[in-house]
């Protein structure tokens, strides 16, 4: 499904402080210097002090509406309001800590604690802040084969040491919360998040949602740093919406995407691709850069005088490599879903595979 067939709806922010959720969880957080710690985010900040851990406005998912009529066939709707990163962390990510505590306390018998029981269903988004991630499997497609990219996460506040598709990021506005109560703002779109995350995780741009970097909402078409990525996603690259899933441990919603770039377009847009950013490093064969001679005979390469290096080599999009990462326990569920769905529907997605 094209991202254009995913309709986003925004409603006025709700006056919800999630006090009940935080009260049910606060017994999990040990005191610091004799002082009670009210929330999971406060506990993490005081005990481990991760880098790039900050409060920021975030779009909170309220519901997913599949097509209900023949006229709407092939489309879906996602309903949002404004939330915050720490509200998500304190009411959804905290499920992971509670599960670990229950697992240890019962010697592996169960992971369900009082808070998870109180929520009842992972599909009810009323009693917690469910901020989705936007997860994009990136494909570099040549005539007879394709490559894909994964990131080993090392500098993030959650899921360190895991492998994920790249880019992937929270569904957040770049310039703070929108001014209006009925519209999500200039970058209330999946494509805007994808553009921002490509710039950050492939090209090393600073995190525009960080308060120290935040300014006015990014105009992706006009701002030169983002323009090439924006033009590619609006033109030669083909983006596909695969669906929305829930992370089984924390019940976090995950928007699943795949984006297929023709090799020449990918190489031009990401010529300055970084193997390592503050979030992690790319998986692959030693981070070897693709050379122009990888695509052309050396004589033509020299005649054209095209000596600049090309982006980092990815992983071969073949059954063996896809299954290897899909079955690896360090691969995040959202990445696993993107990989397996893209492989299953590779012909429809027009992803060339070497035979």
Protein backbone atom coordinates (compact mmCIF):
# COMPACT_ATOMS: atom_id res chain seq x y z
CA UNK A 1 0.00 0.00 0.00
CA UNK A 2 1.26 3.47 -0.83
CA UNK A 3 1.79 5.85 2.12
CA UNK A 4 -0.63 8.14 0.29
CA UNK A 5 -3.36 5.59 1.06
CA UNK A 6 -2.66 5.86 4.78
CA UNK A 7 -4.87 8.67 6.06
CA UNK A 8 -3.74 10.37 9.26
CA UNK A 9 -6.32 12.07 11.48
CA UNK A 10 -5.49 14.45 14.31
CA UNK A 11 -7.68 15.47 17.24
CA UNK A 12 -7.21 17.99 20.04
CA UNK A 13 -4.79 16.91 22.80
CA UNK A 14 -6.43 15.12 25.69
CA UNK A 15 -5.91 16.25 29.28
CA UNK A 16 -4.53 12.88 30.37
CA UNK A 17 -1.70 12.69 32.88
CA UNK A 18 -1.80 8.87 33.13
CA UNK A 19 -1.72 9.14 36.93
CA UNK A 20 -3.33 5.73 37.39
CA UNK A 21 -0.69 4.01 35.25
CA UNK A 22 2.16 5.79 37.03
CA UNK A 23 0.71 4.97 40.45
CA UNK A 24 0.50 1.27 39.59
CA UNK A 25 4.13 1.25 38.49
CA UNK A 26 5.87 3.46 41.03
CA UNK A 27 6.54 0.60 43.46
CA UNK A 28 9.01 -0.73 40.86
CA UNK A 29 11.37 2.24 41.16
CA UNK A 30 13.83 2.16 44.08
CA UNK A 31 14.35 5.45 45.95
CA UNK A 32 17.38 7.65 45.33
CA UNK A 33 18.98 9.24 48.40
CA UNK A 34 15.84 8.44 50.35
CA UNK A 35 13.62 10.21 47.81
CA UNK A 36 10.85 8.39 45.97
CA UNK A 37 11.18 8.18 42.18
CA UNK A 38 7.80 8.86 40.55
CA UNK A 39 8.24 7.45 37.04
CA UNK A 40 10.27 5.06 34.91
CA UNK A 41 11.86 7.91 32.92
CA UNK A 42 12.96 9.59 36.16
CA UNK A 43 14.43 6.32 37.43
CA UNK A 44 16.35 5.71 34.19
CA UNK A 45 17.59 9.29 34.14
CA UNK A 46 18.86 9.06 37.72
CA UNK A 47 20.40 5.59 37.54
CA UNK A 48 21.81 5.16 34.04
CA UNK A 49 21.72 8.69 32.57
CA UNK A 50 21.59 7.61 28.90
CA UNK A 51 22.68 10.02 26.19
CA UNK A 52 20.01 11.43 23.87
CA UNK A 53 17.28 10.92 26.48
CA UNK A 54 14.97 13.91 26.60
CA UNK A 55 11.36 15.01 26.78
CA UNK A 56 9.77 15.84 23.41
CA UNK A 57 6.27 16.12 21.95
CA UNK A 58 5.18 12.90 20.26
CA UNK A 59 2.17 11.84 18.24
CA UNK A 60 0.05 9.45 20.31
CA UNK A 61 -1.82 6.75 18.41
CA UNK A 62 -5.49 6.47 19.38
CA UNK A 63 -6.66 3.87 16.88
CA UNK A 64 -6.25 2.10 13.55
CA UNK A 65 -9.25 2.16 11.19
CA UNK A 66 -9.14 -0.33 8.31
CA UNK A 67 -11.18 0.34 5.19
CA UNK A 68 -14.87 -0.08 5.95
CA UNK A 69 -16.42 0.42 2.52
CA UNK A 70 -15.71 -0.62 -1.06
CA UNK A 71 -14.87 2.99 -1.85
CA UNK A 72 -12.15 2.91 0.82
CA UNK A 73 -10.70 -0.44 -0.25
CA UNK A 74 -6.91 -0.36 -0.24
CA UNK A 75 -6.67 2.39 2.36
CA UNK A 76 -6.41 2.65 6.13
CA UNK A 77 -6.71 5.38 8.74
CA UNK A 78 -4.54 6.17 11.76
CA UNK A 79 -5.98 8.43 14.49
CA UNK A 80 -3.64 10.56 16.61
CA UNK A 81 -3.49 13.24 19.23
CA UNK A 82 -0.52 14.94 20.88
CA UNK A 83 1.40 13.13 23.60
CA UNK A 84 4.93 13.21 24.93
CA UNK A 85 7.97 10.95 24.79
CA UNK A 86 8.16 10.51 28.55
CA UNK A 87 4.45 9.69 28.80
CA UNK A 88 5.11 6.90 26.29
CA UNK A 89 8.22 5.81 28.18
CA UNK A 90 6.43 5.82 31.53
CA UNK A 91 3.28 3.99 30.43
CA UNK A 92 4.41 1.68 27.61
CA UNK A 93 8.18 1.14 27.74
CA UNK A 94 7.75 0.50 31.49
CA UNK A 95 5.96 -2.73 30.59
CA UNK A 96 9.34 -4.16 29.62
CA UNK A 97 10.82 -3.44 33.05
CA UNK A 98 7.80 -4.88 34.83
CA UNK A 99 8.03 -8.01 32.66
CA UNK A 100 11.73 -8.46 33.48
CA UNK A 101 11.05 -8.04 37.18
CA UNK A 102 8.23 -10.61 37.09
CA UNK A 103 10.36 -13.03 35.07
CA UNK A 104 13.21 -12.86 37.60
CA UNK A 105 10.88 -12.95 40.60
CA UNK A 106 9.04 -16.05 39.38
CA UNK A 107 12.14 -17.86 38.03
CA UNK A 108 10.85 -17.55 34.47
CA UNK A 109 7.30 -18.69 35.15
CA UNK A 110 5.58 -15.47 33.98
CA UNK A 111 6.14 -11.93 32.78
CA UNK A 112 2.67 -10.51 33.45
CA UNK A 113 2.56 -8.06 36.36
CA UNK A 114 -0.19 -5.95 37.94
CA UNK A 115 0.17 -3.09 35.50
CA UNK A 116 -0.03 -5.28 32.39
CA UNK A 117 -3.06 -7.01 33.88
CA UNK A 118 -4.74 -3.64 34.48
CA UNK A 119 -4.37 -2.71 30.81
CA UNK A 120 -6.16 -5.90 29.82
CA UNK A 121 -5.64 -5.79 26.04
CA UNK A 122 -2.65 -4.65 23.97
CA UNK A 123 -5.12 -3.35 21.39
CA UNK A 124 -6.75 -0.88 23.77
CA UNK A 125 -4.81 2.38 23.54
CA UNK A 126 -6.93 4.35 26.03
CA UNK A 127 -4.99 3.89 29.26
CA UNK A 128 -1.45 4.43 28.05
CA UNK A 129 0.46 6.72 25.69
CA UNK A 130 1.12 4.65 22.56
CA UNK A 131 3.60 6.59 20.43
CA UNK A 132 4.47 4.56 17.31
CA UNK A 133 7.84 4.14 15.75
CA UNK A 134 8.18 4.56 11.98
CA UNK A 135 10.41 1.73 10.77
CA UNK A 136 11.67 1.66 7.19
CA UNK A 137 13.47 -1.22 5.52
CA UNK A 138 15.72 0.43 2.92
CA UNK A 139 16.39 -1.44 -0.33
CA UNK A 140 19.04 -0.47 -2.89
CA UNK A 141 17.84 -2.16 -6.09
CA UNK A 142 20.08 -2.95 -9.05
CA UNK A 143 19.01 -4.66 -12.25
CA UNK A 144 19.39 -8.25 -11.04
CA UNK A 145 19.94 -7.99 -7.27
CA UNK A 146 19.30 -5.81 -4.25
CA UNK A 147 20.89 -4.83 -0.95
CA UNK A 148 19.32 -3.79 2.33
CA UNK A 149 20.54 -1.96 5.42
CA UNK A 150 20.38 -2.74 9.13
CA UNK A 151 21.77 -0.86 12.12
CA UNK A 152 23.34 -2.23 15.30
CA UNK A 153 21.96 0.12 17.98
CA UNK A 154 24.58 1.35 20.45
CA UNK A 155 23.80 4.95 21.42
CA UNK A 156 20.04 4.92 21.96
CA UNK A 157 18.03 5.07 25.17
CA UNK A 158 16.06 1.88 24.43
CA UNK A 159 16.95 -1.52 22.95
CA UNK A 160 20.72 -1.07 22.96
CA UNK A 161 22.66 -3.91 21.39
CA UNK A 162 19.82 -4.91 19.11
CA UNK A 163 19.59 -4.85 15.31
CA UNK A 164 16.98 -2.75 13.57
CA UNK A 165 15.98 -1.55 10.14
CA UNK A 166 17.36 1.84 9.25
CA UNK A 167 16.04 4.44 9.38
CA UNK A 168 13.71 4.06 12.34
CA UNK A 169 12.45 6.72 14.70
CA UNK A 170 9.61 7.97 16.84
CA UNK A 171 6.65 9.62 15.16
CA UNK A 172 7.29 13.14 16.44
CA UNK A 173 7.07 16.71 15.13
CA UNK A 174 10.42 18.31 14.37
CA UNK A 175 9.61 21.79 15.62
CA UNK A 176 7.71 21.22 18.85
CA UNK A 177 3.96 20.66 19.27
CA UNK A 178 1.68 22.11 16.60
CA UNK A 179 -0.04 25.41 17.33
CA UNK A 180 -3.50 24.28 16.29
CA UNK A 181 -5.85 21.88 18.06
CA UNK A 182 -7.25 20.26 14.93
CA UNK A 183 -4.16 19.74 12.78
CA UNK A 184 -0.94 17.93 13.54
CA UNK A 185 1.31 20.55 11.97
CA UNK A 186 3.49 20.81 8.90
CA UNK A 187 5.32 17.50 9.42
CA UNK A 188 2.36 15.38 10.55
CA UNK A 189 3.05 12.68 7.97
CA UNK A 190 4.87 9.37 7.76
CA UNK A 191 6.96 10.66 4.87
CA UNK A 192 8.23 13.64 6.89
CA UNK A 193 9.43 11.30 9.63
CA UNK A 194 11.13 9.09 7.04
CA UNK A 195 12.93 12.08 5.49
CA UNK A 196 14.13 13.31 8.88
CA UNK A 197 15.34 9.85 9.93
CA UNK A 198 17.14 9.21 6.62
CA UNK A 199 19.01 12.47 7.10
CA UNK A 200 19.94 11.61 10.68
CA UNK A 201 20.77 7.91 10.39
CA UNK A 202 22.31 7.76 6.90
CA UNK A 203 23.88 11.21 6.64
CA UNK A 204 24.66 12.02 10.27
CA UNK A 205 22.42 15.07 10.68
CA UNK A 206 21.67 16.11 14.29
CA UNK A 207 18.41 14.95 15.86
CA UNK A 208 15.94 17.72 15.02
CA UNK A 209 13.54 16.60 17.78
CA UNK A 210 16.18 17.22 20.47
CA UNK A 211 15.34 20.45 22.37
CA UNK A 212 18.91 21.70 21.88
CA UNK A 213 18.51 21.47 18.08
CA UNK A 214 14.81 22.20 17.74
CA UNK A 215 13.63 25.28 15.87
CA UNK A 216 10.77 25.89 13.52
CA UNK A 217 9.25 22.81 11.84
CA UNK A 218 11.48 21.62 9.02
CA UNK A 219 10.40 22.52 5.51
CA UNK A 220 11.75 19.41 3.85
CA UNK A 221 11.25 20.65 0.30
CA UNK A 222 12.95 24.00 0.78
CA UNK A 223 15.71 23.29 3.28
CA UNK A 224 18.75 22.35 1.25
CA UNK A 225 20.08 19.72 3.68
CA UNK A 226 16.91 17.65 3.38
CA UNK A 227 15.87 18.51 -0.17
CA UNK A 228 17.64 15.63 -1.94
CA UNK A 229 16.12 13.03 0.39
CA UNK A 230 12.69 14.64 0.12
CA UNK A 231 12.88 14.76 -3.67
CA UNK A 232 13.90 11.09 -3.83
CA UNK A 233 11.04 9.94 -1.58
CA UNK A 234 8.57 12.00 -3.61
CA UNK A 235 9.98 10.79 -6.92
CA UNK A 236 12.25 7.92 -7.93
CA UNK A 237 12.15 5.90 -4.71
CA UNK A 238 9.03 3.84 -4.06
CA UNK A 239 7.72 3.73 -0.49
CA UNK A 240 5.26 1.08 0.67
CA UNK A 241 3.22 0.85 3.87
CA UNK A 242 3.25 -2.73 5.20
CA UNK A 243 0.98 -2.25 8.21
CA UNK A 244 1.04 -1.57 11.96
CA UNK A 245 2.25 -4.11 14.50
CA UNK A 246 2.63 -4.23 18.27
CA UNK A 247 5.89 -5.02 20.03
CA UNK A 248 4.94 -8.04 22.17
CA UNK A 249 6.95 -6.97 25.22
CA UNK A 250 6.06 -3.29 25.55
CA UNK A 251 2.96 -3.21 23.34
CA UNK A 252 4.50 -0.31 21.42
CA UNK A 253 2.83 0.31 18.03
CA UNK A 254 5.22 0.01 15.10
CA UNK A 255 4.50 1.40 11.64
CA UNK A 256 6.18 -0.90 9.11
CA UNK A 257 7.51 0.53 5.83
CA UNK A 258 9.79 -0.47 2.98
CA UNK A 259 11.45 1.98 0.59
CA UNK A 260 13.00 0.79 -2.68
CA UNK A 261 15.67 3.04 -4.25
CA UNK A 262 17.09 2.48 -7.72
CA UNK A 263 20.85 2.04 -7.24
CA UNK A 264 21.89 5.22 -9.08
CA UNK A 265 19.44 7.36 -7.14
CA UNK A 266 20.50 5.83 -3.84
CA UNK A 267 24.17 6.39 -4.60
CA UNK A 268 23.60 10.03 -5.49
CA UNK A 269 21.39 10.88 -2.52
CA UNK A 270 23.53 9.04 0.03
CA UNK A 271 27.00 9.66 -1.41
CA UNK A 272 28.04 11.04 2.01
CA UNK A 273 26.55 8.13 3.92
CA UNK A 274 27.96 7.58 7.41
CA UNK A 275 28.67 4.04 8.59
CA UNK A 276 28.38 5.14 12.22
CA UNK A 277 26.19 7.80 13.84
CA UNK A 278 25.35 8.54 17.45
CA UNK A 279 22.59 5.89 17.32
CA UNK A 280 24.71 2.97 16.10
CA UNK A 281 26.57 1.48 13.16
CA UNK A 282 25.53 -0.26 9.97
CA UNK A 283 25.67 -4.01 9.72
CA UNK A 284 27.64 -5.29 6.76
CA UNK A 285 30.91 -6.62 5.40
CA UNK A 286 33.34 -4.37 7.19
CA UNK A 287 31.61 -1.19 6.12
CA UNK A 288 33.28 -1.34 2.72
CA UNK A 289 32.25 1.52 0.52
CA UNK A 290 30.88 0.78 -2.91
CA UNK A 291 33.14 2.11 -5.63
CA UNK A 292 32.08 3.29 -9.03
CA UNK A 293 34.12 0.37 -10.39
CA UNK A 294 31.75 -2.03 -8.60
CA UNK A 295 29.20 -1.11 -11.24
CA UNK A 296 31.31 -0.35 -14.30
CA UNK A 297 34.48 -1.74 -15.87
CA UNK A 298 37.53 0.15 -14.65
CA UNK A 299 38.29 1.62 -18.08
CA UNK A 300 34.86 3.25 -18.29
CA UNK A 301 35.27 4.37 -14.69
CA UNK A 302 38.45 6.26 -15.51
CA UNK A 303 37.16 7.61 -18.80
CA UNK A 304 34.16 9.11 -17.02
CA UNK A 305 36.46 10.41 -14.28
CA UNK A 306 33.94 9.39 -11.64
CA UNK A 307 36.21 8.51 -8.77
CA UNK A 308 34.18 9.53 -5.77
CA UNK A 309 33.23 6.88 -3.28
CA UNK A 310 29.68 5.62 -3.05
CA UNK A 311 27.59 4.67 -0.02
CA UNK A 312 28.40 1.79 2.26
CA UNK A 313 27.70 -1.68 1.04
CA UNK A 314 24.60 -3.20 2.54
CA UNK A 315 23.54 -6.80 3.00
CA UNK A 316 22.42 -8.99 0.08
CA UNK A 317 18.64 -9.23 -0.13
CA UNK A 318 18.44 -12.98 -0.53
CA UNK A 319 16.62 -15.72 1.33
CA UNK A 320 19.63 -16.85 3.35
CA UNK A 321 20.50 -13.38 4.66
CA UNK A 322 16.90 -12.37 5.31
CA UNK A 323 16.23 -15.55 7.30
CA UNK A 324 19.53 -15.25 9.16
CA UNK A 325 18.60 -11.82 10.52
CA UNK A 326 14.90 -12.62 10.93
CA UNK A 327 15.81 -15.58 13.16
CA UNK A 328 18.51 -13.76 15.12
CA UNK A 329 17.31 -13.05 18.69
CA UNK A 330 18.99 -9.63 18.65
CA UNK A 331 16.83 -8.47 15.72
CA UNK A 332 13.91 -6.34 16.92
CA UNK A 333 10.40 -7.63 16.12
CA UNK A 334 9.60 -4.63 13.90
CA UNK A 335 12.74 -5.27 11.83
CA UNK A 336 11.89 -8.96 11.60
CA UNK A 337 8.39 -8.12 10.37
CA UNK A 338 9.69 -5.68 7.74
CA UNK A 339 12.21 -8.22 6.45
CA UNK A 340 9.80 -11.14 6.23
CA UNK A 341 6.97 -9.11 4.68
CA UNK A 342 9.30 -7.55 2.11
CA UNK A 343 10.69 -10.96 1.21
CA UNK A 344 7.22 -12.50 0.97
CA UNK A 345 5.96 -9.71 -1.30
CA UNK A 346 9.22 -9.00 -3.17
CA UNK A 347 7.63 -9.45 -6.60
CA UNK A 348 4.79 -7.01 -5.87
CA UNK A 349 7.28 -4.54 -4.34
CA UNK A 350 9.48 -4.90 -7.46
CA UNK A 351 12.61 -5.84 -5.50
CA UNK A 352 15.06 -7.63 -7.82
CA UNK A 353 16.56 -10.80 -6.36
CA UNK A 354 19.56 -12.65 -7.74
CA UNK A 355 18.63 -16.16 -8.91
